[in-house]
Amino acid sequence: MVNRTGRLRRIPIPAIDRSFGGRSLRGTDDTNPAITFTIEFARNSHVGSAEIHLLEAIHKAGSLSQAARDLRISYKHAWQLVDSLNYGLRSPVTVAKKGGIGGGSVSLTRLGESLVDRYRALEREFARLAAKSFKALAPRPENTDRGDSSFPGKPND
């Protein structure tokens, strides 16, 4: 943005909320690892947590603009994510209906619903495997407080 003197002024950028629908991207607690993954289908065609969160928000809101607002992302970014899915997979994951006075709507196709269901099932399976595989490495519950002074060289409070 340019101020009255013609110089650029910095616009404060708000911190990005990394939680979606009340669920954090971190593990459910400090003893369970968080799993994030991306499935790449082809060049410039992938599905990750951002795309799945957006599809879930579209399903809930029935509107791309409302889904973008709910996730605190720009409409343009939301549109680009949906567009890349619609053209990157064998058939579209959303269908838009032009509206009149109340505006249009967007809904998930069967493929879109299936994509969300399959991704979430795989996510649960990965979480189960990670909890089992990394159980021995997880911090003990008494050490999960970030104020813990059990690390060498760290002064005790």
C-alpha atoms as a PDB file:
ATOM      1  CA  MET A   1       0.000   0.000   0.000  1.00  0.00           C
ATOM      2  CA  VAL A   2       1.248   3.490  -0.766  1.00  0.00           C
ATOM      3  CA  ASN A   3       0.884   6.270   1.796  1.00  0.00           C
ATOM      4  CA  ARG A   4       0.330   9.970   1.062  1.00  0.00           C
ATOM      5  CA  THR A   5       4.047  10.645   0.556  1.00  0.00           C
ATOM      6  CA  GLY A   6       4.225   8.008  -2.169  1.00  0.00           C
ATOM      7  CA  ARG A   7       6.237   5.581  -0.078  1.00  0.00           C
ATOM      8  CA  LEU A   8       5.253   1.995   0.396  1.00  0.00           C
ATOM      9  CA  ARG A   9       4.028   1.189   3.838  1.00  0.00           C
ATOM     10  CA  ARG A  10       3.969  -2.228   5.391  1.00  0.00           C
ATOM     11  CA  ILE A  11       0.641  -3.818   6.027  1.00  0.00           C
ATOM     12  CA  PRO A  12       0.577  -6.115   9.053  1.00  0.00           C
ATOM     13  CA  ILE A  13      -0.255  -9.664   8.046  1.00  0.00           C
ATOM     14  CA  PRO A  14      -2.338 -11.563  10.601  1.00  0.00           C
ATOM     15  CA  ALA A  15      -1.000 -14.866  11.855  1.00  0.00           C
ATOM     16  CA  ILE A  16      -2.356 -17.856   9.979  1.00  0.00           C
ATOM     17  CA  ASP A  17      -4.683 -20.013  12.024  1.00  0.00           C
ATOM     18  CA  ARG A  18      -3.282 -23.516  11.627  1.00  0.00           C
ATOM     19  CA  SER A  19      -6.347 -25.202  13.081  1.00  0.00           C
ATOM     20  CA  PHE A  20      -9.275 -26.329  11.007  1.00  0.00           C
ATOM     21  CA  GLY A  21     -12.690 -26.814  12.492  1.00  0.00           C
ATOM     22  CA  GLY A  22     -11.242 -26.773  15.997  1.00  0.00           C
ATOM     23  CA  ARG A  23      -8.748 -29.511  15.078  1.00  0.00           C
ATOM     24  CA  SER A  24      -5.112 -28.579  15.242  1.00  0.00           C
ATOM     25  CA  LEU A  25      -2.582 -29.803  12.720  1.00  0.00           C
ATOM     26  CA  ARG A  26      -0.506 -31.003  15.681  1.00  0.00           C
ATOM     27  CA  GLY A  27      -1.056 -34.393  17.333  1.00  0.00           C
ATOM     28  CA  THR A  28      -4.101 -34.868  19.516  1.00  0.00           C
ATOM     29  CA  ASP A  29      -1.804 -34.625  22.510  1.00  0.00           C
ATOM     30  CA  ASP A  30       1.932 -34.575  23.127  1.00  0.00           C
ATOM     31  CA  THR A  31       2.174 -38.373  23.263  1.00  0.00           C
ATOM     32  CA  ASN A  32       0.683 -39.052  19.809  1.00  0.00           C
ATOM     33  CA  PRO A  33       2.524 -37.949  16.677  1.00  0.00           C
ATOM     34  CA  ALA A  34       0.691 -35.876  14.082  1.00  0.00           C
ATOM     35  CA  ILE A  35       0.549 -37.321  10.594  1.00  0.00           C
ATOM     36  CA  THR A  36       0.380 -35.098   7.542  1.00  0.00           C
ATOM     37  CA  PHE A  37       0.704 -36.448   4.032  1.00  0.00           C
ATOM     38  CA  THR A  38       0.098 -35.585   0.416  1.00  0.00           C
ATOM     39  CA  ILE A  39      -0.981 -37.946  -2.325  1.00  0.00           C
ATOM     40  CA  GLU A  40       0.428 -37.042  -5.733  1.00  0.00           C
ATOM     41  CA  PHE A  41      -1.545 -38.361  -8.687  1.00  0.00           C
ATOM     42  CA  ALA A  42       0.246 -36.654 -11.567  1.00  0.00           C
ATOM     43  CA  ARG A  43       2.199 -33.526 -12.320  1.00  0.00           C
ATOM     44  CA  ASN A  44       0.485 -30.603 -10.540  1.00  0.00           C
ATOM     45  CA  SER A  45      -2.228 -32.914  -9.225  1.00  0.00           C
ATOM     46  CA  HIS A  46      -2.130 -33.718  -5.555  1.00  0.00           C
ATOM     47  CA  VAL A  47      -4.371 -34.042  -2.523  1.00  0.00           C
ATOM     48  CA  GLY A  48      -3.287 -33.088   0.965  1.00  0.00           C
ATOM     49  CA  SER A  49      -4.837 -31.850   4.159  1.00  0.00           C
ATOM     50  CA  ALA A  50      -5.528 -28.358   2.734  1.00  0.00           C
ATOM     51  CA  GLU A  51      -7.570 -29.752  -0.148  1.00  0.00           C
ATOM     52  CA  ILE A  52      -9.473 -32.143   2.127  1.00  0.00           C
ATOM     53  CA  HIS A  53     -10.248 -29.399   4.654  1.00  0.00           C
ATOM     54  CA  LEU A  54     -11.528 -27.237   1.810  1.00  0.00           C
ATOM     55  CA  LEU A  55     -13.742 -30.012   0.410  1.00  0.00           C
ATOM     56  CA  GLU A  56     -15.164 -30.622   3.902  1.00  0.00           C
ATOM     57  CA  ALA A  57     -15.835 -26.897   4.326  1.00  0.00           C
ATOM     58  CA  ILE A  58     -17.553 -26.757   0.920  1.00  0.00           C
ATOM     59  CA  HIS A  59     -19.725 -29.730   1.879  1.00  0.00           C
ATOM     60  CA  LYS A  60     -20.689 -27.998   5.130  1.00  0.00           C
ATOM     61  CA  ALA A  61     -21.228 -24.482   3.735  1.00  0.00           C
ATOM     62  CA  GLY A  62     -22.512 -25.254   0.235  1.00  0.00           C
ATOM     63  CA  SER A  63     -20.522 -22.285  -0.999  1.00  0.00           C
ATOM     64  CA  LEU A  64     -16.920 -21.847  -2.078  1.00  0.00           C
ATOM     65  CA  SER A  65     -16.735 -18.279  -0.796  1.00  0.00           C
ATOM     66  CA  GLN A  66     -18.167 -19.264   2.594  1.00  0.00           C
ATOM     67  CA  ALA A  67     -15.818 -22.256   2.800  1.00  0.00           C
ATOM     68  CA  ALA A  68     -12.868 -19.928   2.093  1.00  0.00           C
ATOM     69  CA  ARG A  69     -14.021 -17.539   4.825  1.00  0.00           C
ATOM     70  CA  ASP A  70     -14.496 -20.418   7.272  1.00  0.00           C
ATOM     71  CA  LEU A  71     -10.934 -21.619   6.616  1.00  0.00           C
ATOM     72  CA  ARG A  72      -9.555 -18.069   6.600  1.00  0.00           C
ATOM     73  CA  ILE A  73      -8.068 -18.373   3.125  1.00  0.00           C
ATOM     74  CA  SER A  74      -8.637 -16.172   0.109  1.00  0.00           C
ATOM     75  CA  TYR A  75     -11.377 -16.997  -2.348  1.00  0.00           C
ATOM     76  CA  LYS A  76      -8.769 -17.056  -5.123  1.00  0.00           C
ATOM     77  CA  HIS A  77      -6.675 -19.659  -3.278  1.00  0.00           C
ATOM     78  CA  ALA A  78      -9.758 -21.782  -2.562  1.00  0.00           C
ATOM     79  CA  TRP A  79     -10.814 -21.551  -6.205  1.00  0.00           C
ATOM     80  CA  GLN A  80      -7.321 -22.572  -7.368  1.00  0.00           C
ATOM     81  CA  LEU A  81      -7.305 -25.612  -5.056  1.00  0.00           C
ATOM     82  CA  VAL A  82     -10.715 -26.759  -6.292  1.00  0.00           C
ATOM     83  CA  ASP A  83      -9.798 -26.055  -9.909  1.00  0.00           C
ATOM     84  CA  SER A  84      -6.606 -28.123  -9.640  1.00  0.00           C
ATOM     85  CA  LEU A  85      -8.610 -31.033  -8.205  1.00  0.00           C
ATOM     86  CA  ASN A  86     -11.379 -30.746 -10.791  1.00  0.00           C
ATOM     87  CA  TYR A  87      -8.930 -30.822 -13.696  1.00  0.00           C
ATOM     88  CA  GLY A  88      -6.292 -33.080 -12.137  1.00  0.00           C
ATOM     89  CA  LEU A  89      -8.483 -36.083 -11.383  1.00  0.00           C
ATOM     90  CA  ARG A  90     -10.485 -38.280 -13.762  1.00  0.00           C
ATOM     91  CA  SER A  91     -13.648 -36.281 -13.106  1.00  0.00           C
ATOM     92  CA  PRO A  92     -14.594 -33.166 -11.088  1.00  0.00           C
ATOM     93  CA  VAL A  93     -14.832 -33.293  -7.290  1.00  0.00           C
ATOM     94  CA  THR A  94     -17.254 -30.347  -7.122  1.00  0.00           C
ATOM     95  CA  VAL A  95     -20.169 -29.094  -9.148  1.00  0.00           C
ATOM     96  CA  ALA A  96     -21.264 -25.465  -9.180  1.00  0.00           C
ATOM     97  CA  LYS A  97     -24.825 -24.297  -9.673  1.00  0.00           C
ATOM     98  CA  LYS A  98     -25.449 -20.773 -10.856  1.00  0.00           C
ATOM     99  CA  GLY A  99     -27.753 -18.906  -8.592  1.00  0.00           C
ATOM    100  CA  GLY A 100     -30.177 -16.087  -8.715  1.00  0.00           C
ATOM    101  CA  ILE A 101     -30.968 -13.720  -5.894  1.00  0.00           C
ATOM    102  CA  GLY A 102     -29.373 -15.839  -3.161  1.00  0.00           C
ATOM    103  CA  GLY A 103     -26.302 -16.645  -5.245  1.00  0.00           C
ATOM    104  CA  GLY A 104     -25.013 -19.959  -6.496  1.00  0.00           C
ATOM    105  CA  SER A 105     -23.907 -23.033  -4.649  1.00  0.00           C
ATOM    106  CA  VAL A 106     -21.151 -25.601  -4.812  1.00  0.00           C
ATOM    107  CA  SER A 107     -21.486 -29.212  -3.766  1.00  0.00           C
ATOM    108  CA  LEU A 108     -19.274 -32.277  -3.804  1.00  0.00           C
ATOM    109  CA  THR A 109     -19.685 -34.907  -6.460  1.00  0.00           C
ATOM    110  CA  ARG A 110     -19.595 -38.603  -5.589  1.00  0.00           C
ATOM    111  CA  LEU A 111     -15.896 -38.565  -6.446  1.00  0.00           C
ATOM    112  CA  GLY A 112     -15.375 -35.599  -4.103  1.00  0.00           C
ATOM    113  CA  GLU A 113     -17.158 -37.357  -1.244  1.00  0.00           C
ATOM    114  CA  SER A 114     -15.230 -40.559  -1.939  1.00  0.00           C
ATOM    115  CA  LEU A 115     -11.942 -38.654  -2.002  1.00  0.00           C
ATOM    116  CA  VAL A 116     -12.618 -37.139   1.428  1.00  0.00           C
ATOM    117  CA  ASP A 117     -13.724 -40.497   2.874  1.00  0.00           C
ATOM    118  CA  ARG A 118     -10.694 -42.360   1.497  1.00  0.00           C
ATOM    119  CA  TYR A 119      -8.237 -39.680   2.614  1.00  0.00           C
ATOM    120  CA  ARG A 120      -9.681 -39.627   6.148  1.00  0.00           C
ATOM    121  CA  ALA A 121      -9.625 -43.457   6.352  1.00  0.00           C
ATOM    122  CA  LEU A 122      -5.986 -43.484   5.268  1.00  0.00           C
ATOM    123  CA  GLU A 123      -5.219 -40.716   7.758  1.00  0.00           C
ATOM    124  CA  ARG A 124      -6.741 -42.783  10.607  1.00  0.00           C
ATOM    125  CA  GLU A 125      -4.747 -45.838   9.530  1.00  0.00           C
ATOM    126  CA  PHE A 126      -1.520 -43.824   9.376  1.00  0.00           C
ATOM    127  CA  ALA A 127      -2.232 -42.381  12.828  1.00  0.00           C
ATOM    128  CA  ARG A 128      -2.823 -45.860  14.233  1.00  0.00           C
ATOM    129  CA  LEU A 129       0.407 -47.149  12.692  1.00  0.00           C
ATOM    130  CA  ALA A 130       2.384 -44.105  13.842  1.00  0.00           C
ATOM    131  CA  ALA A 131       1.104 -44.394  17.410  1.00  0.00           C
ATOM    132  CA  LYS A 132       2.140 -48.054  17.434  1.00  0.00           C
ATOM    133  CA  SER A 133       5.486 -47.528  15.670  1.00  0.00           C
ATOM    134  CA  PHE A 134       6.601 -44.464  17.628  1.00  0.00           C
ATOM    135  CA  LYS A 135       5.186 -45.357  21.038  1.00  0.00           C
ATOM    136  CA  ALA A 136       8.652 -45.938  22.476  1.00  0.00           C
ATOM    137  CA  LEU A 137       9.801 -42.499  21.282  1.00  0.00           C
ATOM    138  CA  ALA A 138       6.859 -40.487  22.609  1.00  0.00           C
ATOM    139  CA  PRO A 139       7.564 -38.265  25.599  1.00  0.00           C
ATOM    140  CA  ARG A 140       6.446 -39.467  28.978  1.00  0.00           C
ATOM    141  CA  PRO A 141       3.312 -37.631  30.156  1.00  0.00           C
ATOM    142  CA  GLU A 142       5.211 -35.885  32.959  1.00  0.00           C
ATOM    143  CA  ASN A 143       7.625 -34.395  30.371  1.00  0.00           C
ATOM    144  CA  THR A 144       4.987 -32.964  28.038  1.00  0.00           C
ATOM    145  CA  ASP A 145       4.836 -29.614  29.837  1.00  0.00           C
ATOM    146  CA  ARG A 146       6.943 -27.218  27.755  1.00  0.00           C
ATOM    147  CA  GLY A 147       8.210 -25.651  30.976  1.00  0.00           C
ATOM    148  CA  ASP A 148       9.993 -28.917  31.814  1.00  0.00           C
ATOM    149  CA  SER A 149      13.614 -28.451  32.788  1.00  0.00           C
ATOM    150  CA  SER A 150      14.790 -32.015  32.253  1.00  0.00           C
ATOM    151  CA  PHE A 151      16.980 -31.194  29.252  1.00  0.00           C
ATOM    152  CA  PRO A 152      20.739 -30.997  29.866  1.00  0.00           C
ATOM    153  CA  GLY A 153      22.034 -27.475  30.081  1.00  0.00           C
ATOM    154  CA  LYS A 154      18.617 -25.965  30.737  1.00  0.00           C
ATOM    155  CA  PRO A 155      18.363 -24.268  34.123  1.00  0.00           C
ATOM    156  CA  ASN A 156      15.639 -25.451  36.474  1.00  0.00           C
ATOM    157  CA  ASP A 157      12.908 -22.947  37.237  1.00  0.00           C
END
